[in-house]
Amino acid sequence: MSTFVQFDVNAAQAASDHAPLAPAGDGGAA
């Protein structure tokens, strides 16, 4: 489970870098 959470955080960070318009909160909620 921890691995999944870590991956989600990494994905959110990458998405934020790719699309700064999208808030990081969206990734965290996912």
PDB file of N, CA and C in Angstrom:
ATOM      1  N   MET A   1       0.847  -1.196   0.000  1.00  0.00           N
ATOM      2  CA  MET A   1       0.000   0.000   0.000  1.00  0.00           C
ATOM      3  C   MET A   1       0.883   1.248   0.000  1.00  0.00           C
ATOM      4  N   SER A   2       1.915   1.224   0.836  1.00  0.00           N
ATOM      5  CA  SER A   2       2.812   2.392   0.901  1.00  0.00           C
ATOM      6  C   SER A   2       3.391   2.691  -0.473  1.00  0.00           C
ATOM      7  N   THR A   3       3.766   1.633  -1.186  1.00  0.00           N
ATOM      8  CA  THR A   3       4.352   1.839  -2.518  1.00  0.00           C
ATOM      9  C   THR A   3       3.358   2.562  -3.409  1.00  0.00           C
ATOM     10  N   PHE A   4       2.099   2.141  -3.343  1.00  0.00           N
ATOM     11  CA  PHE A   4       1.077   2.785  -4.181  1.00  0.00           C
ATOM     12  C   PHE A   4       0.954   4.274  -3.846  1.00  0.00           C
ATOM     13  N   VAL A   5       0.936   4.569  -2.549  1.00  0.00           N
ATOM     14  CA  VAL A   5       0.829   5.975  -2.133  1.00  0.00           C
ATOM     15  C   VAL A   5       2.024   6.767  -2.649  1.00  0.00           C
ATOM     16  N   GLN A   6       3.214   6.181  -2.503  1.00  0.00           N
ATOM     17  CA  GLN A   6       4.415   6.879  -2.958  1.00  0.00           C
ATOM     18  C   GLN A   6       4.325   7.126  -4.467  1.00  0.00           C
ATOM     19  N   PHE A   7       3.891   6.125  -5.208  1.00  0.00           N
ATOM     20  CA  PHE A   7       3.773   6.272  -6.661  1.00  0.00           C
ATOM     21  C   PHE A   7       2.774   7.385  -6.981  1.00  0.00           C
ATOM     22  N   ASP A   8       1.648   7.410  -6.254  1.00  0.00           N
ATOM     23  CA  ASP A   8       0.634   8.434  -6.477  1.00  0.00           C
ATOM     24  C   ASP A   8       1.245   9.818  -6.262  1.00  0.00           C
ATOM     25  N   VAL A   9       2.013   9.954  -5.197  1.00  0.00           N
ATOM     26  CA  VAL A   9       2.651  11.247  -4.908  1.00  0.00           C
ATOM     27  C   VAL A   9       3.601  11.625  -6.045  1.00  0.00           C
ATOM     28  N   ASN A  10       4.389  10.659  -6.498  1.00  0.00           N
ATOM     29  CA  ASN A  10       5.326  10.929  -7.589  1.00  0.00           C
ATOM     30  C   ASN A  10       4.564  11.346  -8.840  1.00  0.00           C
ATOM     31  N   ALA A  11       3.504  10.640  -9.147  1.00  0.00           N
ATOM     32  CA  ALA A  11       2.697  10.947 -10.331  1.00  0.00           C
ATOM     33  C   ALA A  11       2.112  12.362 -10.214  1.00  0.00           C
ATOM     34  N   ALA A  12       1.613  12.681  -9.026  1.00  0.00           N
ATOM     35  CA  ALA A  12       1.026  14.009  -8.813  1.00  0.00           C
ATOM     36  C   ALA A  12       2.081  15.092  -9.027  1.00  0.00           C
ATOM     37  N   GLN A  13       3.276  14.851  -8.497  1.00  0.00           N
ATOM     38  CA  GLN A  13       4.345  15.838  -8.636  1.00  0.00           C
ATOM     39  C   GLN A  13       4.692  16.006 -10.122  1.00  0.00           C
ATOM     40  N   ALA A  14       4.812  14.895 -10.837  1.00  0.00           N
ATOM     41  CA  ALA A  14       5.149  14.956 -12.254  1.00  0.00           C
ATOM     42  C   ALA A  14       4.042  15.677 -13.018  1.00  0.00           C
ATOM     43  N   ALA A  15       2.796  15.360 -12.695  1.00  0.00           N
ATOM     44  CA  ALA A  15       1.666  15.998 -13.385  1.00  0.00           C
ATOM     45  C   ALA A  15       1.687  17.500 -13.107  1.00  0.00           C
ATOM     46  N   SER A  16       1.965  17.858 -11.855  1.00  0.00           N
ATOM     47  CA  SER A  16       2.001  19.281 -11.499  1.00  0.00           C
ATOM     48  C   SER A  16       3.075  19.986 -12.329  1.00  0.00           C
ATOM     49  N   ASP A  17       4.235  19.329 -12.477  1.00  0.00           N
ATOM     50  CA  ASP A  17       5.315  19.938 -13.252  1.00  0.00           C
ATOM     51  C   ASP A  17       4.885  20.072 -14.710  1.00  0.00           C
ATOM     52  N   HIS A  18       4.189  19.072 -15.211  1.00  0.00           N
ATOM     53  CA  HIS A  18       3.741  19.095 -16.611  1.00  0.00           C
ATOM     54  C   HIS A  18       2.611  20.098 -16.801  1.00  0.00           C
ATOM     55  N   ALA A  19       1.691  20.142 -15.801  1.00  0.00           N
ATOM     56  CA  ALA A  19       0.549  21.058 -15.880  1.00  0.00           C
ATOM     57  C   ALA A  19       0.433  21.840 -14.576  1.00  0.00           C
ATOM     58  N   PRO A  20       1.207  22.914 -14.446  1.00  0.00           N
ATOM     59  CA  PRO A  20       1.173  23.713 -13.213  1.00  0.00           C
ATOM     60  C   PRO A  20      -0.214  24.265 -12.937  1.00  0.00           C
ATOM     61  N   LEU A  21      -1.066  24.310 -13.970  1.00  0.00           N
ATOM     62  CA  LEU A  21      -2.422  24.831 -13.782  1.00  0.00           C
ATOM     63  C   LEU A  21      -3.208  23.920 -12.843  1.00  0.00           C
ATOM     64  N   ALA A  22      -2.920  22.608 -12.900  1.00  0.00           N
ATOM     65  CA  ALA A  22      -3.651  21.661 -12.049  1.00  0.00           C
ATOM     66  C   ALA A  22      -3.059  21.676 -10.648  1.00  0.00           C
ATOM     67  N   PRO A  23      -3.897  21.819  -9.621  1.00  0.00           N
ATOM     68  CA  PRO A  23      -3.407  21.842  -8.235  1.00  0.00           C
ATOM     69  C   PRO A  23      -2.941  20.466  -7.791  1.00  0.00           C
ATOM     70  N   ALA A  24      -1.930  20.422  -6.910  1.00  0.00           N
ATOM     71  CA  ALA A  24      -1.412  19.136  -6.433  1.00  0.00           C
ATOM     72  C   ALA A  24      -2.493  18.417  -5.631  1.00  0.00           C
ATOM     73  N   GLY A  25      -3.429  19.174  -5.050  1.00  0.00           N
ATOM     74  CA  GLY A  25      -4.493  18.555  -4.253  1.00  0.00           C
ATOM     75  C   GLY A  25      -5.230  17.488  -5.061  1.00  0.00           C
ATOM     76  N   ASP A  26      -5.434  17.738  -6.346  1.00  0.00           N
ATOM     77  CA  ASP A  26      -6.149  16.770  -7.179  1.00  0.00           C
ATOM     78  C   ASP A  26      -5.438  15.421  -7.124  1.00  0.00           C
ATOM     79  N   GLY A  27      -4.117  15.437  -7.284  1.00  0.00           N
ATOM     80  CA  GLY A  27      -3.358  14.185  -7.245  1.00  0.00           C
ATOM     81  C   GLY A  27      -3.487  13.525  -5.889  1.00  0.00           C
ATOM     82  N   GLY A  28      -3.412  14.326  -4.829  1.00  0.00           N
ATOM     83  CA  GLY A  28      -3.500  13.741  -3.495  1.00  0.00           C
ATOM     84  C   GLY A  28      -4.856  13.075  -3.296  1.00  0.00           C
ATOM     85  N   ALA A  29      -5.917  13.742  -3.776  1.00  0.00           N
ATOM     86  CA  ALA A  29      -7.254  13.162  -3.603  1.00  0.00           C
ATOM     87  C   ALA A  29      -7.345  11.844  -4.343  1.00  0.00           C
ATOM     88  N   ALA A  30      -6.755  11.788  -5.535  1.00  0.00           N
ATOM     89  CA  ALA A  30      -6.824  10.551  -6.328  1.00  0.00           C
ATOM     90  C   ALA A  30      -6.206   9.433  -5.525  1.00  0.00           C
TER      91      ALA A  30
END
